[in-house]
């Protein structure tokens, strides 16, 4: 029997492309990871977390933002 550790990967969409974000700290919750990356990507301050999906031995989480117009 072989044990494979499944790493976490976080994706967010910017300019029509998925940006792959590595896990800054495996002990962080997904919300803590979102807050960590919101410092670098301000659009993530209002993002929601979708996932995980298992893809190629990785747990993939999506940070999804909803852009709207004011008024």
PDB file of N, CA and C in Angstrom:
ATOM      1  N   UNK A   1       0.838  -1.158   0.000  1.00  0.00           N
ATOM      2  CA  UNK A   1       0.000   0.000   0.000  1.00  0.00           C
ATOM      3  C   UNK A   1       0.899   1.242   0.000  1.00  0.00           C
ATOM      4  N   UNK A   2       0.568   2.195  -0.828  1.00  0.00           N
ATOM      5  CA  UNK A   2       1.321   3.434  -0.934  1.00  0.00           C
ATOM      6  C   UNK A   2       0.454   4.590  -0.462  1.00  0.00           C
ATOM      7  N   UNK A   3       1.017   5.414   0.382  1.00  0.00           N
ATOM      8  CA  UNK A   3       0.295   6.587   0.879  1.00  0.00           C
ATOM      9  C   UNK A   3       0.814   7.805   0.141  1.00  0.00           C
ATOM     10  N   UNK A   4      -0.100   8.539  -0.460  1.00  0.00           N
ATOM     11  CA  UNK A   4       0.252   9.743  -1.210  1.00  0.00           C
ATOM     12  C   UNK A   4      -0.352  10.938  -0.495  1.00  0.00           C
ATOM     13  N   UNK A   5       0.493  11.901  -0.174  1.00  0.00           N
ATOM     14  CA  UNK A   5      -0.011  13.123   0.450  1.00  0.00           C
ATOM     15  C   UNK A   5      -0.601  14.014  -0.629  1.00  0.00           C
ATOM     16  N   UNK A   6      -1.804  14.469  -0.389  1.00  0.00           N
ATOM     17  CA  UNK A   6      -2.486  15.322  -1.360  1.00  0.00           C
ATOM     18  C   UNK A   6      -2.297  16.779  -0.942  1.00  0.00           C
ATOM     19  N   UNK A   7      -1.650  17.549  -1.796  1.00  0.00           N
ATOM     20  CA  UNK A   7      -1.407  18.952  -1.486  1.00  0.00           C
ATOM     21  C   UNK A   7      -2.607  19.811  -1.885  1.00  0.00           C
ATOM     22  N   UNK A   8      -2.662  21.009  -1.338  1.00  0.00           N
ATOM     23  CA  UNK A   8      -3.735  21.941  -1.674  1.00  0.00           C
ATOM     24  C   UNK A   8      -3.210  22.957  -2.683  1.00  0.00           C
ATOM     25  N   UNK A   9      -4.082  23.299  -3.617  1.00  0.00           N
ATOM     26  CA  UNK A   9      -3.794  24.334  -4.608  1.00  0.00           C
ATOM     27  C   UNK A   9      -4.999  25.261  -4.637  1.00  0.00           C
ATOM     28  N   UNK A  10      -4.726  26.544  -4.781  1.00  0.00           N
ATOM     29  CA  UNK A  10      -5.795  27.535  -4.801  1.00  0.00           C
ATOM     30  C   UNK A  10      -5.750  28.265  -6.139  1.00  0.00           C
ATOM     31  N   UNK A  11      -6.913  28.435  -6.760  1.00  0.00           N
ATOM     32  CA  UNK A  11      -7.004  29.118  -8.049  1.00  0.00           C
ATOM     33  C   UNK A  11      -7.921  30.324  -7.932  1.00  0.00           C
ATOM     34  N   UNK A  12      -7.543  31.373  -8.618  1.00  0.00           N
ATOM     35  CA  UNK A  12      -8.477  32.491  -8.788  1.00  0.00           C
ATOM     36  C   UNK A  12      -8.322  33.012 -10.211  1.00  0.00           C
ATOM     37  N   UNK A  13      -9.401  33.554 -10.737  1.00  0.00           N
ATOM     38  CA  UNK A  13      -9.439  33.997 -12.128  1.00  0.00           C
ATOM     39  C   UNK A  13      -9.095  35.468 -12.197  1.00  0.00           C
ATOM     40  N   UNK A  14      -8.097  35.790 -13.050  1.00  0.00           N
ATOM     41  CA  UNK A  14      -7.683  37.179 -13.253  1.00  0.00           C
ATOM     42  C   UNK A  14      -7.399  37.364 -14.734  1.00  0.00           C
ATOM     43  N   UNK A  15      -8.022  38.365 -15.323  1.00  0.00           N
ATOM     44  CA  UNK A  15      -7.835  38.669 -16.745  1.00  0.00           C
ATOM     45  C   UNK A  15      -8.136  37.469 -17.635  1.00  0.00           C
ATOM     46  N   UNK A  16      -9.155  36.707 -17.268  1.00  0.00           N
ATOM     47  CA  UNK A  16      -9.584  35.579 -18.079  1.00  0.00           C
ATOM     48  C   UNK A  16      -8.740  34.330 -17.934  1.00  0.00           C
ATOM     49  N   UNK A  17      -7.781  34.319 -17.034  1.00  0.00           N
ATOM     50  CA  UNK A  17      -6.925  33.154 -16.838  1.00  0.00           C
ATOM     51  C   UNK A  17      -6.915  32.758 -15.361  1.00  0.00           C
ATOM     52  N   UNK A  18      -6.769  31.455 -15.123  1.00  0.00           N
ATOM     53  CA  UNK A  18      -6.650  30.985 -13.753  1.00  0.00           C
ATOM     54  C   UNK A  18      -5.247  31.248 -13.247  1.00  0.00           C
ATOM     55  N   UNK A  19      -5.151  31.855 -12.064  1.00  0.00           N
ATOM     56  CA  UNK A  19      -3.877  32.089 -11.406  1.00  0.00           C
ATOM     57  C   UNK A  19      -3.747  31.015 -10.332  1.00  0.00           C
ATOM     58  N   UNK A  20      -2.667  30.265 -10.404  1.00  0.00           N
ATOM     59  CA  UNK A  20      -2.424  29.168  -9.464  1.00  0.00           C
ATOM     60  C   UNK A  20      -1.644  29.707  -8.259  1.00  0.00           C
ATOM     61  N   UNK A  21      -2.209  29.515  -7.082  1.00  0.00           N
ATOM     62  CA  UNK A  21      -1.602  29.989  -5.847  1.00  0.00           C
ATOM     63  C   UNK A  21      -1.219  28.776  -4.996  1.00  0.00           C
ATOM     64  N   UNK A  22       0.008  28.732  -4.547  1.00  0.00           N
ATOM     65  CA  UNK A  22       0.444  27.618  -3.714  1.00  0.00           C
ATOM     66  C   UNK A  22      -0.051  27.806  -2.287  1.00  0.00           C
ATOM     67  N   UNK A  23      -0.003  26.756  -1.542  1.00  0.00           N
ATOM     68  CA  UNK A  23      -0.448  26.761  -0.157  1.00  0.00           C
ATOM     69  C   UNK A  23       0.626  27.433   0.696  1.00  0.00           C
ATOM     70  N   UNK A  24       0.341  28.594   1.295  1.00  0.00           N
ATOM     71  CA  UNK A  24       1.366  29.293   2.079  1.00  0.00           C
ATOM     72  C   UNK A  24       1.715  28.580   3.383  1.00  0.00           C
ATOM     73  N   UNK A  25       0.764  27.837   3.929  1.00  0.00           N
ATOM     74  CA  UNK A  25       0.991  27.136   5.183  1.00  0.00           C
ATOM     75  C   UNK A  25      -0.063  26.034   5.293  1.00  0.00           C
ATOM     76  N   UNK A  26       0.350  24.764   5.242  1.00  0.00           N
ATOM     77  CA  UNK A  26      -0.632  23.670   5.294  1.00  0.00           C
ATOM     78  C   UNK A  26      -1.508  23.662   6.542  1.00  0.00           C
ATOM     79  N   UNK A  27      -1.083  24.334   7.607  1.00  0.00           N
ATOM     80  CA  UNK A  27      -1.910  24.361   8.815  1.00  0.00           C
ATOM     81  C   UNK A  27      -2.987  25.444   8.769  1.00  0.00           C
ATOM     82  N   UNK A  28      -2.927  26.347   7.779  1.00  0.00           N
ATOM     83  CA  UNK A  28      -3.963  27.368   7.613  1.00  0.00           C
ATOM     84  C   UNK A  28      -5.274  26.729   7.176  1.00  0.00           C
ATOM     85  N   UNK A  29      -6.383  27.289   7.642  1.00  0.00           N
ATOM     86  CA  UNK A  29      -7.684  26.916   7.081  1.00  0.00           C
ATOM     87  C   UNK A  29      -7.793  27.557   5.700  1.00  0.00           C
ATOM     88  N   UNK A  30      -8.763  27.149   4.913  1.00  0.00           N
ATOM     89  CA  UNK A  30      -8.935  27.755   3.585  1.00  0.00           C
ATOM     90  C   UNK A  30      -9.272  29.238   3.711  1.00  0.00           C
ATOM     91  N   UNK A  31     -10.014  29.618   4.748  1.00  0.00           N
ATOM     92  CA  UNK A  31     -10.336  31.037   4.963  1.00  0.00           C
ATOM     93  C   UNK A  31      -9.070  31.831   5.298  1.00  0.00           C
ATOM     94  N   UNK A  32      -8.158  31.244   6.055  1.00  0.00           N
ATOM     95  CA  UNK A  32      -6.902  31.916   6.374  1.00  0.00           C
ATOM     96  C   UNK A  32      -6.028  32.077   5.134  1.00  0.00           C
ATOM     97  N   UNK A  33      -6.059  31.080   4.258  1.00  0.00           N
ATOM     98  CA  UNK A  33      -5.314  31.194   2.995  1.00  0.00           C
ATOM     99  C   UNK A  33      -5.907  32.321   2.155  1.00  0.00           C
ATOM    100  N   UNK A  34      -7.229  32.392   2.085  1.00  0.00           N
ATOM    101  CA  UNK A  34      -7.889  33.465   1.343  1.00  0.00           C
ATOM    102  C   UNK A  34      -7.483  34.825   1.897  1.00  0.00           C
ATOM    103  N   UNK A  35      -7.485  34.973   3.218  1.00  0.00           N
ATOM    104  CA  UNK A  35      -7.080  36.240   3.839  1.00  0.00           C
ATOM    105  C   UNK A  35      -5.614  36.551   3.557  1.00  0.00           C
ATOM    106  N   UNK A  36      -4.770  35.539   3.559  1.00  0.00           N
ATOM    107  CA  UNK A  36      -3.352  35.720   3.255  1.00  0.00           C
ATOM    108  C   UNK A  36      -3.171  36.282   1.850  1.00  0.00           C
ATOM    109  N   UNK A  37      -3.847  35.692   0.857  1.00  0.00           N
ATOM    110  CA  UNK A  37      -3.696  36.137  -0.523  1.00  0.00           C
ATOM    111  C   UNK A  37      -4.451  37.427  -0.820  1.00  0.00           C
ATOM    112  N   UNK A  38      -5.427  37.782   0.007  1.00  0.00           N
ATOM    113  CA  UNK A  38      -6.146  39.044  -0.193  1.00  0.00           C
ATOM    114  C   UNK A  38      -5.215  40.239  -0.023  1.00  0.00           C
ATOM    115  N   UNK A  39      -4.116  40.071   0.701  1.00  0.00           N
ATOM    116  CA  UNK A  39      -3.118  41.135   0.832  1.00  0.00           C
ATOM    117  C   UNK A  39      -2.416  41.393  -0.499  1.00  0.00           C
ATOM    118  N   UNK A  40      -2.274  40.350  -1.309  1.00  0.00           N
ATOM    119  CA  UNK A  40      -1.608  40.461  -2.609  1.00  0.00           C
ATOM    120  C   UNK A  40      -2.595  40.733  -3.750  1.00  0.00           C
ATOM    121  N   UNK A  41      -3.802  40.210  -3.601  1.00  0.00           N
ATOM    122  CA  UNK A  41      -4.846  40.344  -4.616  1.00  0.00           C
ATOM    123  C   UNK A  41      -6.093  40.921  -3.937  1.00  0.00           C
ATOM    124  N   UNK A  42      -6.231  42.243  -3.872  1.00  0.00           N
ATOM    125  CA  UNK A  42      -7.346  42.867  -3.144  1.00  0.00           C
ATOM    126  C   UNK A  42      -8.730  42.399  -3.586  1.00  0.00           C
ATOM    127  N   UNK A  43      -8.859  41.951  -4.822  1.00  0.00           N
ATOM    128  CA  UNK A  43     -10.168  41.481  -5.296  1.00  0.00           C
ATOM    129  C   UNK A  43     -10.652  40.275  -4.490  1.00  0.00           C
ATOM    130  N   UNK A  44      -9.748  39.589  -3.826  1.00  0.00           N
ATOM    131  CA  UNK A  44     -10.124  38.411  -3.049  1.00  0.00           C
ATOM    132  C   UNK A  44     -10.781  38.741  -1.713  1.00  0.00           C
ATOM    133  N   UNK A  45     -10.825  40.005  -1.344  1.00  0.00           N
ATOM    134  CA  UNK A  45     -11.434  40.366  -0.061  1.00  0.00           C
ATOM    135  C   UNK A  45     -12.916  40.018  -0.005  1.00  0.00           C
ATOM    136  N   UNK A  46     -13.566  39.934  -1.158  1.00  0.00           N
ATOM    137  CA  UNK A  46     -14.988  39.577  -1.198  1.00  0.00           C
ATOM    138  C   UNK A  46     -15.222  38.212  -1.835  1.00  0.00           C
ATOM    139  N   UNK A  47     -14.173  37.434  -2.003  1.00  0.00           N
ATOM    140  CA  UNK A  47     -14.285  36.139  -2.687  1.00  0.00           C
ATOM    141  C   UNK A  47     -14.928  35.089  -1.797  1.00  0.00           C
ATOM    142  N   UNK A  48     -15.494  34.103  -2.448  1.00  0.00           N
ATOM    143  CA  UNK A  48     -16.035  32.925  -1.789  1.00  0.00           C
ATOM    144  C   UNK A  48     -15.153  31.745  -2.184  1.00  0.00           C
ATOM    145  N   UNK A  49     -15.119  30.718  -1.342  1.00  0.00           N
ATOM    146  CA  UNK A  49     -14.283  29.543  -1.589  1.00  0.00           C
ATOM    147  C   UNK A  49     -15.164  28.407  -2.093  1.00  0.00           C
ATOM    148  N   UNK A  50     -14.770  27.832  -3.219  1.00  0.00           N
ATOM    149  CA  UNK A  50     -15.475  26.662  -3.762  1.00  0.00           C
ATOM    150  C   UNK A  50     -14.484  25.509  -3.805  1.00  0.00           C
ATOM    151  N   UNK A  51     -14.935  24.361  -3.398  1.00  0.00           N
ATOM    152  CA  UNK A  51     -14.086  23.185  -3.478  1.00  0.00           C
ATOM    153  C   UNK A  51     -14.033  22.469  -2.141  1.00  0.00           C
ATOM    154  N   UNK A  52     -13.224  21.464  -2.072  1.00  0.00           N
ATOM    155  CA  UNK A  52     -12.167  21.093  -3.007  1.00  0.00           C
ATOM    156  C   UNK A  52     -12.639  20.108  -4.067  1.00  0.00           C
ATOM    157  N   UNK A  53     -11.891  20.100  -5.146  1.00  0.00           N
ATOM    158  CA  UNK A  53     -12.008  19.090  -6.186  1.00  0.00           C
ATOM    159  C   UNK A  53     -10.669  18.362  -6.212  1.00  0.00           C
ATOM    160  N   UNK A  54     -10.681  17.065  -6.383  1.00  0.00           N
ATOM    161  CA  UNK A  54      -9.440  16.304  -6.489  1.00  0.00           C
ATOM    162  C   UNK A  54      -9.054  16.240  -7.959  1.00  0.00           C
ATOM    163  N   UNK A  55      -7.892  16.804  -8.294  1.00  0.00           N
ATOM    164  CA  UNK A  55      -7.384  16.825  -9.662  1.00  0.00           C
ATOM    165  C   UNK A  55      -5.902  16.477  -9.612  1.00  0.00           C
ATOM    166  N   UNK A  56      -5.534  15.371 -10.257  1.00  0.00           N
ATOM    167  CA  UNK A  56      -4.128  14.961 -10.341  1.00  0.00           C
ATOM    168  C   UNK A  56      -3.439  14.968  -8.974  1.00  0.00           C
ATOM    169  N   UNK A  57      -4.030  14.284  -8.020  1.00  0.00           N
ATOM    170  CA  UNK A  57      -3.470  14.170  -6.667  1.00  0.00           C
ATOM    171  C   UNK A  57      -3.305  15.510  -5.963  1.00  0.00           C
ATOM    172  N   UNK A  58      -4.178  16.463  -6.254  1.00  0.00           N
ATOM    173  CA  UNK A  58      -4.184  17.755  -5.571  1.00  0.00           C
ATOM    174  C   UNK A  58      -5.617  18.096  -5.196  1.00  0.00           C
ATOM    175  N   UNK A  59      -5.773  18.745  -4.046  1.00  0.00           N
ATOM    176  CA  UNK A  59      -7.075  19.298  -3.661  1.00  0.00           C
ATOM    177  C   UNK A  59      -7.105  20.718  -4.187  1.00  0.00           C
ATOM    178  N   UNK A  60      -7.988  20.970  -5.138  1.00  0.00           N
ATOM    179  CA  UNK A  60      -8.047  22.273  -5.790  1.00  0.00           C
ATOM    180  C   UNK A  60      -9.233  23.059  -5.235  1.00  0.00           C
ATOM    181  N   UNK A  61      -8.932  24.250  -4.724  1.00  0.00           N
ATOM    182  CA  UNK A  61      -9.946  25.170  -4.231  1.00  0.00           C
ATOM    183  C   UNK A  61      -9.989  26.362  -5.181  1.00  0.00           C
ATOM    184  N   UNK A  62     -11.177  26.899  -5.399  1.00  0.00           N
ATOM    185  CA  UNK A  62     -11.344  28.064  -6.269  1.00  0.00           C
ATOM    186  C   UNK A  62     -11.783  29.249  -5.423  1.00  0.00           C
ATOM    187  N   UNK A  63     -11.104  30.372  -5.608  1.00  0.00           N
ATOM    188  CA  UNK A  63     -11.515  31.620  -4.997  1.00  0.00           C
ATOM    189  C   UNK A  63     -12.330  32.351  -6.055  1.00  0.00           C
ATOM    190  N   UNK A  64     -13.625  32.498  -5.813  1.00  0.00           N
ATOM    191  CA  UNK A  64     -14.520  33.088  -6.804  1.00  0.00           C
ATOM    192  C   UNK A  64     -15.000  34.447  -6.327  1.00  0.00           C
ATOM    193  N   UNK A  65     -14.866  35.418  -7.193  1.00  0.00           N
ATOM    194  CA  UNK A  65     -15.345  36.764  -6.906  1.00  0.00           C
ATOM    195  C   UNK A  65     -16.509  37.096  -7.806  1.00  0.00           C
ATOM    196  N   UNK A  66     -17.367  37.948  -7.314  1.00  0.00           N
ATOM    197  CA  UNK A  66     -18.499  38.425  -8.111  1.00  0.00           C
ATOM    198  C   UNK A  66     -18.321  39.918  -8.311  1.00  0.00           C
ATOM    199  N   UNK A  67     -18.089  40.281  -9.556  1.00  0.00           N
ATOM    200  CA  UNK A  67     -17.924  41.695  -9.867  1.00  0.00           C
ATOM    201  C   UNK A  67     -19.282  42.243 -10.302  1.00  0.00           C
ATOM    202  N   UNK A  68     -19.664  43.334  -9.729  1.00  0.00           N
ATOM    203  CA  UNK A  68     -20.925  43.955 -10.076  1.00  0.00           C
ATOM    204  C   UNK A  68     -20.722  45.441 -10.290  1.00  0.00           C
ATOM    205  N   UNK A  69     -21.826  46.084 -10.655  1.00  0.00           N
ATOM    206  CA  UNK A  69     -21.757  47.527 -10.810  1.00  0.00           C
ATOM    207  C   UNK A  69     -22.488  48.185  -9.658  1.00  0.00           C
ATOM    208  N   UNK A  70     -22.017  49.303  -9.256  1.00  0.00           N
ATOM    209  CA  UNK A  70     -22.626  50.015  -8.145  1.00  0.00           C
ATOM    210  C   UNK A  70     -23.710  50.953  -8.670  1.00  0.00           C
ATOM    211  N   UNK A  71     -24.815  50.969  -7.981  1.00  0.00           N
ATOM    212  CA  UNK A  71     -25.832  51.926  -8.329  1.00  0.00           C
ATOM    213  C   UNK A  71     -26.983  51.308  -8.933  1.00  0.00           C
TER     214      UNK A  71
END
